[in-house]
Amino acid sequence: MGLGLADRKELEALLKAAARDPKVATGLAGRMVPGQGDVEDFAYGLLSGMVIGSFMSSFEKRNGRQPDRDETADVLSIAMARMPALRKAVMKQLDMR
């Protein structure tokens, strides 16, 4: 059946907000980046995980359960469509430092 309209709008709003202001994730990544790899990839992964984790937590509190297979597929599909904007926002934020 997939995500309901309210859930879909919430996830899209979280993704848009993260793309508008990635400072928290880039700041954390700068302090936490592992010895290997680079801060850009780490910040991108951290921001993506923060958004999806926040949505999943909110979904579970609101519905009293974890998303089913169809709902999870919708979450991933929506997130995947917005990932280029998140990466671009992270790169822009890191270039500003």
PDB file of N, CA and C in Angstrom:
ATOM      1  N   MET A   1       0.808  -1.187   0.000  1.00  0.00           N
ATOM      2  CA  MET A   1       0.000   0.000   0.000  1.00  0.00           C
ATOM      3  C   MET A   1       0.862   1.266   0.000  1.00  0.00           C
ATOM      4  N   GLY A   2       1.972   1.276   0.661  1.00  0.00           N
ATOM      5  CA  GLY A   2       2.882   2.412   0.647  1.00  0.00           C
ATOM      6  C   GLY A   2       2.559   3.456   1.691  1.00  0.00           C
ATOM      7  N   LEU A   3       3.337   4.521   1.674  1.00  0.00           N
ATOM      8  CA  LEU A   3       3.170   5.606   2.638  1.00  0.00           C
ATOM      9  C   LEU A   3       1.903   6.396   2.369  1.00  0.00           C
ATOM     10  N   GLY A   4       1.286   6.849   3.445  1.00  0.00           N
ATOM     11  CA  GLY A   4       0.151   7.746   3.322  1.00  0.00           C
ATOM     12  C   GLY A   4       0.635   9.142   2.954  1.00  0.00           C
ATOM     13  N   LEU A   5      -0.274   9.992   2.578  1.00  0.00           N
ATOM     14  CA  LEU A   5       0.068  11.345   2.137  1.00  0.00           C
ATOM     15  C   LEU A   5       0.779  12.131   3.240  1.00  0.00           C
ATOM     16  N   ALA A   6       0.299  12.035   4.478  1.00  0.00           N
ATOM     17  CA  ALA A   6       0.927  12.783   5.584  1.00  0.00           C
ATOM     18  C   ALA A   6       2.363  12.317   5.812  1.00  0.00           C
ATOM     19  N   ASP A   7       2.594  11.013   5.774  1.00  0.00           N
ATOM     20  CA  ASP A   7       3.944  10.481   5.956  1.00  0.00           C
ATOM     21  C   ASP A   7       4.858  10.919   4.815  1.00  0.00           C
ATOM     22  N   ARG A   8       4.352  10.857   3.611  1.00  0.00           N
ATOM     23  CA  ARG A   8       5.126  11.262   2.431  1.00  0.00           C
ATOM     24  C   ARG A   8       5.526  12.740   2.541  1.00  0.00           C
ATOM     25  N   LYS A   9       4.574  13.574   2.927  1.00  0.00           N
ATOM     26  CA  LYS A   9       4.860  15.010   3.068  1.00  0.00           C
ATOM     27  C   LYS A   9       5.884  15.264   4.166  1.00  0.00           C
ATOM     28  N   GLU A  10       5.775  14.516   5.274  1.00  0.00           N
ATOM     29  CA  GLU A  10       6.736  14.686   6.362  1.00  0.00           C
ATOM     30  C   GLU A  10       8.146  14.333   5.902  1.00  0.00           C
ATOM     31  N   LEU A  11       8.296  13.210   5.223  1.00  0.00           N
ATOM     32  CA  LEU A  11       9.613  12.792   4.743  1.00  0.00           C
ATOM     33  C   LEU A  11      10.177  13.813   3.758  1.00  0.00           C
ATOM     34  N   GLU A  12       9.360  14.269   2.841  1.00  0.00           N
ATOM     35  CA  GLU A  12       9.828  15.259   1.872  1.00  0.00           C
ATOM     36  C   GLU A  12      10.224  16.562   2.567  1.00  0.00           C
ATOM     37  N   ALA A  13       9.485  16.952   3.593  1.00  0.00           N
ATOM     38  CA  ALA A  13       9.826  18.170   4.342  1.00  0.00           C
ATOM     39  C   ALA A  13      11.158  18.004   5.069  1.00  0.00           C
ATOM     40  N   LEU A  14      11.388  16.834   5.656  1.00  0.00           N
ATOM     41  CA  LEU A  14      12.666  16.569   6.324  1.00  0.00           C
ATOM     42  C   LEU A  14      13.830  16.639   5.333  1.00  0.00           C
ATOM     43  N   LEU A  15      13.643  16.056   4.177  1.00  0.00           N
ATOM     44  CA  LEU A  15      14.698  16.065   3.159  1.00  0.00           C
ATOM     45  C   LEU A  15      14.974  17.482   2.664  1.00  0.00           C
ATOM     46  N   LYS A  16      13.931  18.260   2.449  1.00  0.00           N
ATOM     47  CA  LYS A  16      14.117  19.643   2.008  1.00  0.00           C
ATOM     48  C   LYS A  16      14.832  20.462   3.070  1.00  0.00           C
ATOM     49  N   ALA A  17      14.429  20.292   4.317  1.00  0.00           N
ATOM     50  CA  ALA A  17      15.062  21.043   5.410  1.00  0.00           C
ATOM     51  C   ALA A  17      16.535  20.681   5.534  1.00  0.00           C
ATOM     52  N   ALA A  18      16.853  19.413   5.390  1.00  0.00           N
ATOM     53  CA  ALA A  18      18.251  18.972   5.468  1.00  0.00           C
ATOM     54  C   ALA A  18      19.080  19.558   4.332  1.00  0.00           C
ATOM     55  N   ALA A  19      18.499  19.648   3.156  1.00  0.00           N
ATOM     56  CA  ALA A  19      19.214  20.221   2.016  1.00  0.00           C
ATOM     57  C   ALA A  19      19.403  21.730   2.168  1.00  0.00           C
ATOM     58  N   ARG A  20      18.447  22.384   2.822  1.00  0.00           N
ATOM     59  CA  ARG A  20      18.563  23.828   3.039  1.00  0.00           C
ATOM     60  C   ARG A  20      19.619  24.179   4.077  1.00  0.00           C
ATOM     61  N   ASP A  21      19.790  23.312   5.078  1.00  0.00           N
ATOM     62  CA  ASP A  21      20.705  23.644   6.169  1.00  0.00           C
ATOM     63  C   ASP A  21      21.456  22.403   6.665  1.00  0.00           C
ATOM     64  N   PRO A  22      22.536  22.024   5.976  1.00  0.00           N
ATOM     65  CA  PRO A  22      23.301  20.840   6.368  1.00  0.00           C
ATOM     66  C   PRO A  22      24.402  21.121   7.394  1.00  0.00           C
ATOM     67  N   LYS A  23      24.363  22.281   8.068  1.00  0.00           N
ATOM     68  CA  LYS A  23      25.458  22.680   8.960  1.00  0.00           C
ATOM     69  C   LYS A  23      25.717  21.689  10.085  1.00  0.00           C
ATOM     70  N   VAL A  24      24.664  21.168  10.700  1.00  0.00           N
ATOM     71  CA  VAL A  24      24.858  20.247  11.819  1.00  0.00           C
ATOM     72  C   VAL A  24      25.616  19.004  11.371  1.00  0.00           C
ATOM     73  N   ALA A  25      25.174  18.411  10.268  1.00  0.00           N
ATOM     74  CA  ALA A  25      25.826  17.185   9.788  1.00  0.00           C
ATOM     75  C   ALA A  25      27.257  17.449   9.341  1.00  0.00           C
ATOM     76  N   THR A  26      27.491  18.557   8.654  1.00  0.00           N
ATOM     77  CA  THR A  26      28.854  18.831   8.194  1.00  0.00           C
ATOM     78  C   THR A  26      29.763  19.173   9.371  1.00  0.00           C
ATOM     79  N   GLY A  27      29.214  19.859  10.355  1.00  0.00           N
ATOM     80  CA  GLY A  27      30.010  20.161  11.551  1.00  0.00           C
ATOM     81  C   GLY A  27      30.381  18.903  12.313  1.00  0.00           C
ATOM     82  N   LEU A  28      29.410  18.024  12.507  1.00  0.00           N
ATOM     83  CA  LEU A  28      29.690  16.750  13.175  1.00  0.00           C
ATOM     84  C   LEU A  28      30.679  15.913  12.375  1.00  0.00           C
ATOM     85  N   ALA A  29      30.479  15.879  11.082  1.00  0.00           N
ATOM     86  CA  ALA A  29      31.365  15.080  10.229  1.00  0.00           C
ATOM     87  C   ALA A  29      32.792  15.588  10.315  1.00  0.00           C
ATOM     88  N   GLY A  30      32.954  16.891  10.363  1.00  0.00           N
ATOM     89  CA  GLY A  30      34.297  17.461  10.459  1.00  0.00           C
ATOM     90  C   GLY A  30      35.010  17.042  11.728  1.00  0.00           C
ATOM     91  N   ARG A  31      34.240  16.846  12.795  1.00  0.00           N
ATOM     92  CA  ARG A  31      34.834  16.425  14.068  1.00  0.00           C
ATOM     93  C   ARG A  31      34.953  14.902  14.190  1.00  0.00           C
ATOM     94  N   MET A  32      34.136  14.173  13.427  1.00  0.00           N
ATOM     95  CA  MET A  32      34.077  12.717  13.597  1.00  0.00           C
ATOM     96  C   MET A  32      34.716  11.928  12.468  1.00  0.00           C
ATOM     97  N   VAL A  33      35.090  12.577  11.384  1.00  0.00           N
ATOM     98  CA  VAL A  33      35.541  11.866  10.189  1.00  0.00           C
ATOM     99  C   VAL A  33      36.633  10.849  10.545  1.00  0.00           C
ATOM    100  N   PRO A  34      36.476   9.642  10.053  1.00  0.00           N
ATOM    101  CA  PRO A  34      37.497   8.626  10.317  1.00  0.00           C
ATOM    102  C   PRO A  34      38.805   8.957   9.597  1.00  0.00           C
ATOM    103  N   GLY A  35      39.862   8.305   9.998  1.00  0.00           N
ATOM    104  CA  GLY A  35      41.179   8.547   9.398  1.00  0.00           C
ATOM    105  C   GLY A  35      41.223   8.276   7.912  1.00  0.00           C
ATOM    106  N   GLN A  36      40.454   7.334   7.451  1.00  0.00           N
ATOM    107  CA  GLN A  36      40.398   7.057   6.020  1.00  0.00           C
ATOM    108  C   GLN A  36      39.129   7.684   5.446  1.00  0.00           C
ATOM    109  N   GLY A  37      39.102   7.870   4.189  1.00  0.00           N
ATOM    110  CA  GLY A  37      37.931   8.478   3.561  1.00  0.00           C
ATOM    111  C   GLY A  37      37.994   9.988   3.636  1.00  0.00           C
ATOM    112  N   ASP A  38      36.915  10.625   3.189  1.00  0.00           N
ATOM    113  CA  ASP A  38      36.923  12.080   3.224  1.00  0.00           C
ATOM    114  C   ASP A  38      35.681  12.619   3.914  1.00  0.00           C
ATOM    115  N   VAL A  39      35.760  13.848   4.330  1.00  0.00           N
ATOM    116  CA  VAL A  39      34.693  14.462   5.109  1.00  0.00           C
ATOM    117  C   VAL A  39      33.418  14.642   4.282  1.00  0.00           C
ATOM    118  N   GLU A  40      33.544  14.851   2.971  1.00  0.00           N
ATOM    119  CA  GLU A  40      32.359  15.040   2.133  1.00  0.00           C
ATOM    120  C   GLU A  40      31.467  13.804   2.129  1.00  0.00           C
ATOM    121  N   ASP A  41      32.074  12.648   1.880  1.00  0.00           N
ATOM    122  CA  ASP A  41      31.298  11.404   1.866  1.00  0.00           C
ATOM    123  C   ASP A  41      30.736  11.083   3.242  1.00  0.00           C
ATOM    124  N   PHE A  42      31.530  11.322   4.267  1.00  0.00           N
ATOM    125  CA  PHE A  42      31.077  11.046   5.623  1.00  0.00           C
ATOM    126  C   PHE A  42      29.899  11.950   5.983  1.00  0.00           C
ATOM    127  N   ALA A  43      29.980  13.237   5.661  1.00  0.00           N
ATOM    128  CA  ALA A  43      28.904  14.182   5.966  1.00  0.00           C
ATOM    129  C   ALA A  43      27.636  13.832   5.196  1.00  0.00           C
ATOM    130  N   TYR A  44      27.787  13.434   3.948  1.00  0.00           N
ATOM    131  CA  TYR A  44      26.640  13.042   3.121  1.00  0.00           C
ATOM    132  C   TYR A  44      25.939  11.820   3.721  1.00  0.00           C
ATOM    133  N   GLY A  45      26.707  10.832   4.098  1.00  0.00           N
ATOM    134  CA  GLY A  45      26.131   9.638   4.720  1.00  0.00           C
ATOM    135  C   GLY A  45      25.495   9.945   6.068  1.00  0.00           C
ATOM    136  N   LEU A  46      26.144  10.797   6.838  1.00  0.00           N
ATOM    137  CA  LEU A  46      25.615  11.175   8.144  1.00  0.00           C
ATOM    138  C   LEU A  46      24.291  11.924   7.989  1.00  0.00           C
ATOM    139  N   LEU A  47      24.240  12.883   7.084  1.00  0.00           N
ATOM    140  CA  LEU A  47      23.017  13.654   6.864  1.00  0.00           C
ATOM    141  C   LEU A  47      21.884  12.756   6.367  1.00  0.00           C
ATOM    142  N   SER A  48      22.185  11.887   5.438  1.00  0.00           N
ATOM    143  CA  SER A  48      21.175  10.956   4.922  1.00  0.00           C
ATOM    144  C   SER A  48      20.632  10.068   6.040  1.00  0.00           C
ATOM    145  N   GLY A  49      21.523   9.547   6.845  1.00  0.00           N
ATOM    146  CA  GLY A  49      21.124   8.692   7.956  1.00  0.00           C
ATOM    147  C   GLY A  49      20.313   9.436   9.010  1.00  0.00           C
ATOM    148  N   MET A  50      20.675  10.682   9.266  1.00  0.00           N
ATOM    149  CA  MET A  50      19.939  11.484  10.238  1.00  0.00           C
ATOM    150  C   MET A  50      18.503  11.721   9.771  1.00  0.00           C
ATOM    151  N   VAL A  51      18.327  12.031   8.502  1.00  0.00           N
ATOM    152  CA  VAL A  51      16.993  12.293   7.968  1.00  0.00           C
ATOM    153  C   VAL A  51      16.142  11.023   7.995  1.00  0.00           C
ATOM    154  N   ILE A  52      16.681   9.941   7.473  1.00  0.00           N
ATOM    155  CA  ILE A  52      15.907   8.698   7.418  1.00  0.00           C
ATOM    156  C   ILE A  52      15.630   8.177   8.833  1.00  0.00           C
ATOM    157  N   GLY A  53      16.621   8.262   9.712  1.00  0.00           N
ATOM    158  CA  GLY A  53      16.418   7.833  11.093  1.00  0.00           C
ATOM    159  C   GLY A  53      15.357   8.657  11.800  1.00  0.00           C
ATOM    160  N   SER A  54      15.374   9.952  11.582  1.00  0.00           N
ATOM    161  CA  SER A  54      14.369  10.830  12.185  1.00  0.00           C
ATOM    162  C   SER A  54      12.971  10.485  11.678  1.00  0.00           C
ATOM    163  N   PHE A  55      12.856  10.267  10.382  1.00  0.00           N
ATOM    164  CA  PHE A  55      11.555   9.916   9.828  1.00  0.00           C
ATOM    165  C   PHE A  55      11.068   8.576  10.374  1.00  0.00           C
ATOM    166  N   MET A  56      11.943   7.582  10.399  1.00  0.00           N
ATOM    167  CA  MET A  56      11.542   6.250  10.878  1.00  0.00           C
ATOM    168  C   MET A  56      11.088   6.309  12.340  1.00  0.00           C
ATOM    169  N   SER A  57      11.790   7.073  13.158  1.00  0.00           N
ATOM    170  CA  SER A  57      11.412   7.224  14.557  1.00  0.00           C
ATOM    171  C   SER A  57      10.037   7.891  14.682  1.00  0.00           C
ATOM    172  N   SER A  58       9.830   8.932  13.910  1.00  0.00           N
ATOM    173  CA  SER A  58       8.547   9.628  13.915  1.00  0.00           C
ATOM    174  C   SER A  58       7.420   8.713  13.438  1.00  0.00           C
ATOM    175  N   PHE A  59       7.689   7.959  12.386  1.00  0.00           N
ATOM    176  CA  PHE A  59       6.695   7.027  11.851  1.00  0.00           C
ATOM    177  C   PHE A  59       6.299   6.008  12.911  1.00  0.00           C
ATOM    178  N   GLU A  60       7.292   5.452  13.587  1.00  0.00           N
ATOM    179  CA  GLU A  60       7.019   4.424  14.589  1.00  0.00           C
ATOM    180  C   GLU A  60       6.226   4.988  15.768  1.00  0.00           C
ATOM    181  N   LYS A  61       6.568   6.192  16.207  1.00  0.00           N
ATOM    182  CA  LYS A  61       5.819   6.815  17.312  1.00  0.00           C
ATOM    183  C   LYS A  61       4.373   7.074  16.911  1.00  0.00           C
ATOM    184  N   ARG A  62       4.182   7.552  15.704  1.00  0.00           N
ATOM    185  CA  ARG A  62       2.843   7.908  15.235  1.00  0.00           C
ATOM    186  C   ARG A  62       1.978   6.672  14.969  1.00  0.00           C
ATOM    187  N   ASN A  63       2.577   5.615  14.426  1.00  0.00           N
ATOM    188  CA  ASN A  63       1.809   4.443  14.011  1.00  0.00           C
ATOM    189  C   ASN A  63       1.920   3.243  14.947  1.00  0.00           C
ATOM    190  N   GLY A  64       2.821   3.313  15.911  1.00  0.00           N
ATOM    191  CA  GLY A  64       2.979   2.206  16.851  1.00  0.00           C
ATOM    192  C   GLY A  64       3.593   0.965  16.227  1.00  0.00           C
ATOM    193  N   ARG A  65       4.255   1.136  15.108  1.00  0.00           N
ATOM    194  CA  ARG A  65       4.891   0.006  14.414  1.00  0.00           C
ATOM    195  C   ARG A  65       5.939   0.551  13.458  1.00  0.00           C
ATOM    196  N   GLN A  66       6.793  -0.347  12.998  1.00  0.00           N
ATOM    197  CA  GLN A  66       7.756   0.018  11.970  1.00  0.00           C
ATOM    198  C   GLN A  66       7.079  -0.041  10.604  1.00  0.00           C
ATOM    199  N   PRO A  67       7.626   0.677   9.635  1.00  0.00           N
ATOM    200  CA  PRO A  67       7.028   0.625   8.290  1.00  0.00           C
ATOM    201  C   PRO A  67       7.077  -0.793   7.714  1.00  0.00           C
ATOM    202  N   ASP A  68       6.039  -1.153   6.966  1.00  0.00           N
ATOM    203  CA  ASP A  68       6.045  -2.453   6.300  1.00  0.00           C
ATOM    204  C   ASP A  68       6.906  -2.377   5.035  1.00  0.00           C
ATOM    205  N   ARG A  69       6.944  -3.450   4.301  1.00  0.00           N
ATOM    206  CA  ARG A  69       7.803  -3.534   3.117  1.00  0.00           C
ATOM    207  C   ARG A  69       7.470  -2.452   2.087  1.00  0.00           C
ATOM    208  N   ASP A  70       6.188  -2.259   1.789  1.00  0.00           N
ATOM    209  CA  ASP A  70       5.798  -1.250   0.800  1.00  0.00           C
ATOM    210  C   ASP A  70       6.116   0.160   1.282  1.00  0.00           C
ATOM    211  N   GLU A  71       5.886   0.418   2.552  1.00  0.00           N
ATOM    212  CA  GLU A  71       6.191   1.736   3.109  1.00  0.00           C
ATOM    213  C   GLU A  71       7.694   2.000   3.100  1.00  0.00           C
ATOM    214  N   THR A  72       8.472   0.986   3.443  1.00  0.00           N
ATOM    215  CA  THR A  72       9.924   1.131   3.413  1.00  0.00           C
ATOM    216  C   THR A  72      10.412   1.387   1.992  1.00  0.00           C
ATOM    217  N   ALA A  73       9.829   0.704   1.026  1.00  0.00           N
ATOM    218  CA  ALA A  73      10.190   0.935  -0.380  1.00  0.00           C
ATOM    219  C   ALA A  73       9.888   2.377  -0.774  1.00  0.00           C
ATOM    220  N   ASP A  74       8.762   2.919  -0.309  1.00  0.00           N
ATOM    221  CA  ASP A  74       8.439   4.320  -0.587  1.00  0.00           C
ATOM    222  C   ASP A  74       9.443   5.263   0.065  1.00  0.00           C
ATOM    223  N   VAL A  75       9.804   4.993   1.306  1.00  0.00           N
ATOM    224  CA  VAL A  75      10.788   5.826   2.005  1.00  0.00           C
ATOM    225  C   VAL A  75      12.083   5.874   1.196  1.00  0.00           C
ATOM    226  N   LEU A  76      12.558   4.722   0.795  1.00  0.00           N
ATOM    227  CA  LEU A  76      13.816   4.655   0.052  1.00  0.00           C
ATOM    228  C   LEU A  76      13.705   5.305  -1.316  1.00  0.00           C
ATOM    229  N   SER A  77      12.574   5.147  -1.974  1.00  0.00           N
ATOM    230  CA  SER A  77      12.368   5.756  -3.290  1.00  0.00           C
ATOM    231  C   SER A  77      12.356   7.279  -3.189  1.00  0.00           C
ATOM    232  N   ILE A  78      11.646   7.806  -2.208  1.00  0.00           N
ATOM    233  CA  ILE A  78      11.584   9.257  -2.015  1.00  0.00           C
ATOM    234  C   ILE A  78      12.963   9.793  -1.643  1.00  0.00           C
ATOM    235  N   ALA A  79      13.631   9.116  -0.717  1.00  0.00           N
ATOM    236  CA  ALA A  79      14.956   9.556  -0.290  1.00  0.00           C
ATOM    237  C   ALA A  79      15.939   9.521  -1.459  1.00  0.00           C
ATOM    238  N   MET A  80      15.890   8.469  -2.248  1.00  0.00           N
ATOM    239  CA  MET A  80      16.812   8.336  -3.375  1.00  0.00           C
ATOM    240  C   MET A  80      16.635   9.478  -4.371  1.00  0.00           C
ATOM    241  N   ALA A  81      15.399   9.898  -4.579  1.00  0.00           N
ATOM    242  CA  ALA A  81      15.139  10.991  -5.514  1.00  0.00           C
ATOM    243  C   ALA A  81      15.711  12.316  -5.009  1.00  0.00           C
ATOM    244  N   ARG A  82      15.835  12.460  -3.693  1.00  0.00           N
ATOM    245  CA  ARG A  82      16.322  13.710  -3.101  1.00  0.00           C
ATOM    246  C   ARG A  82      17.820  13.680  -2.755  1.00  0.00           C
ATOM    247  N   MET A  83      18.454  12.540  -2.871  1.00  0.00           N
ATOM    248  CA  MET A  83      19.860  12.430  -2.487  1.00  0.00           C
ATOM    249  C   MET A  83      20.792  13.375  -3.249  1.00  0.00           C
ATOM    250  N   PRO A  84      20.590  13.597  -4.550  1.00  0.00           N
ATOM    251  CA  PRO A  84      21.485  14.553  -5.220  1.00  0.00           C
ATOM    252  C   PRO A  84      21.434  15.954  -4.596  1.00  0.00           C
ATOM    253  N   ALA A  85      20.258  16.382  -4.156  1.00  0.00           N
ATOM    254  CA  ALA A  85      20.144  17.695  -3.513  1.00  0.00           C
ATOM    255  C   ALA A  85      20.879  17.708  -2.176  1.00  0.00           C
ATOM    256  N   LEU A  86      20.829  16.600  -1.439  1.00  0.00           N
ATOM    257  CA  LEU A  86      21.554  16.532  -0.164  1.00  0.00           C
ATOM    258  C   LEU A  86      23.057  16.580  -0.402  1.00  0.00           C
ATOM    259  N   ARG A  87      23.531  15.833  -1.370  1.00  0.00           N
ATOM    260  CA  ARG A  87      24.969  15.839  -1.657  1.00  0.00           C
ATOM    261  C   ARG A  87      25.429  17.240  -2.085  1.00  0.00           C
ATOM    262  N   LYS A  88      24.657  17.880  -2.938  1.00  0.00           N
ATOM    263  CA  LYS A  88      24.994  19.223  -3.399  1.00  0.00           C
ATOM    264  C   LYS A  88      25.039  20.202  -2.213  1.00  0.00           C
ATOM    265  N   ALA A  89      24.088  20.089  -1.296  1.00  0.00           N
ATOM    266  CA  ALA A  89      24.055  20.967  -0.127  1.00  0.00           C
ATOM    267  C   ALA A  89      25.270  20.739   0.770  1.00  0.00           C
ATOM    268  N   VAL A  90      25.655  19.489   0.952  1.00  0.00           N
ATOM    269  CA  VAL A  90      26.829  19.171   1.761  1.00  0.00           C
ATOM    270  C   VAL A  90      28.080  19.744   1.120  1.00  0.00           C
ATOM    271  N   MET A  91      28.231  19.538  -0.174  1.00  0.00           N
ATOM    272  CA  MET A  91      29.414  20.040  -0.876  1.00  0.00           C
ATOM    273  C   MET A  91      29.478  21.564  -0.798  1.00  0.00           C
ATOM    274  N   LYS A  92      28.351  22.226  -0.970  1.00  0.00           N
ATOM    275  CA  LYS A  92      28.307  23.682  -0.904  1.00  0.00           C
ATOM    276  C   LYS A  92      28.684  24.150   0.503  1.00  0.00           C
ATOM    277  N   GLN A  93      28.136  23.515   1.519  1.00  0.00           N
ATOM    278  CA  GLN A  93      28.438  23.899   2.903  1.00  0.00           C
ATOM    279  C   GLN A  93      29.915  23.707   3.221  1.00  0.00           C
ATOM    280  N   LEU A  94      30.481  22.621   2.777  1.00  0.00           N
ATOM    281  CA  LEU A  94      31.896  22.364   3.058  1.00  0.00           C
ATOM    282  C   LEU A  94      32.805  23.315   2.279  1.00  0.00           C
ATOM    283  N   ASP A  95      32.392  23.754   1.109  1.00  0.00           N
ATOM    284  CA  ASP A  95      33.169  24.725   0.339  1.00  0.00           C
ATOM    285  C   ASP A  95      33.165  26.097   1.007  1.00  0.00           C
ATOM    286  N   MET A  96      32.148  26.366   1.801  1.00  0.00           N
ATOM    287  CA  MET A  96      32.017  27.668   2.457  1.00  0.00           C
ATOM    288  C   MET A  96      32.931  27.804   3.678  1.00  0.00           C
ATOM    289  N   ARG A  97      33.468  26.692   4.151  1.00  0.00           N
ATOM    290  CA  ARG A  97      34.304  26.764   5.371  1.00  0.00           C
ATOM    291  C   ARG A  97      35.621  27.396   5.097  1.00  0.00           C
TER     292      ARG A  97
END
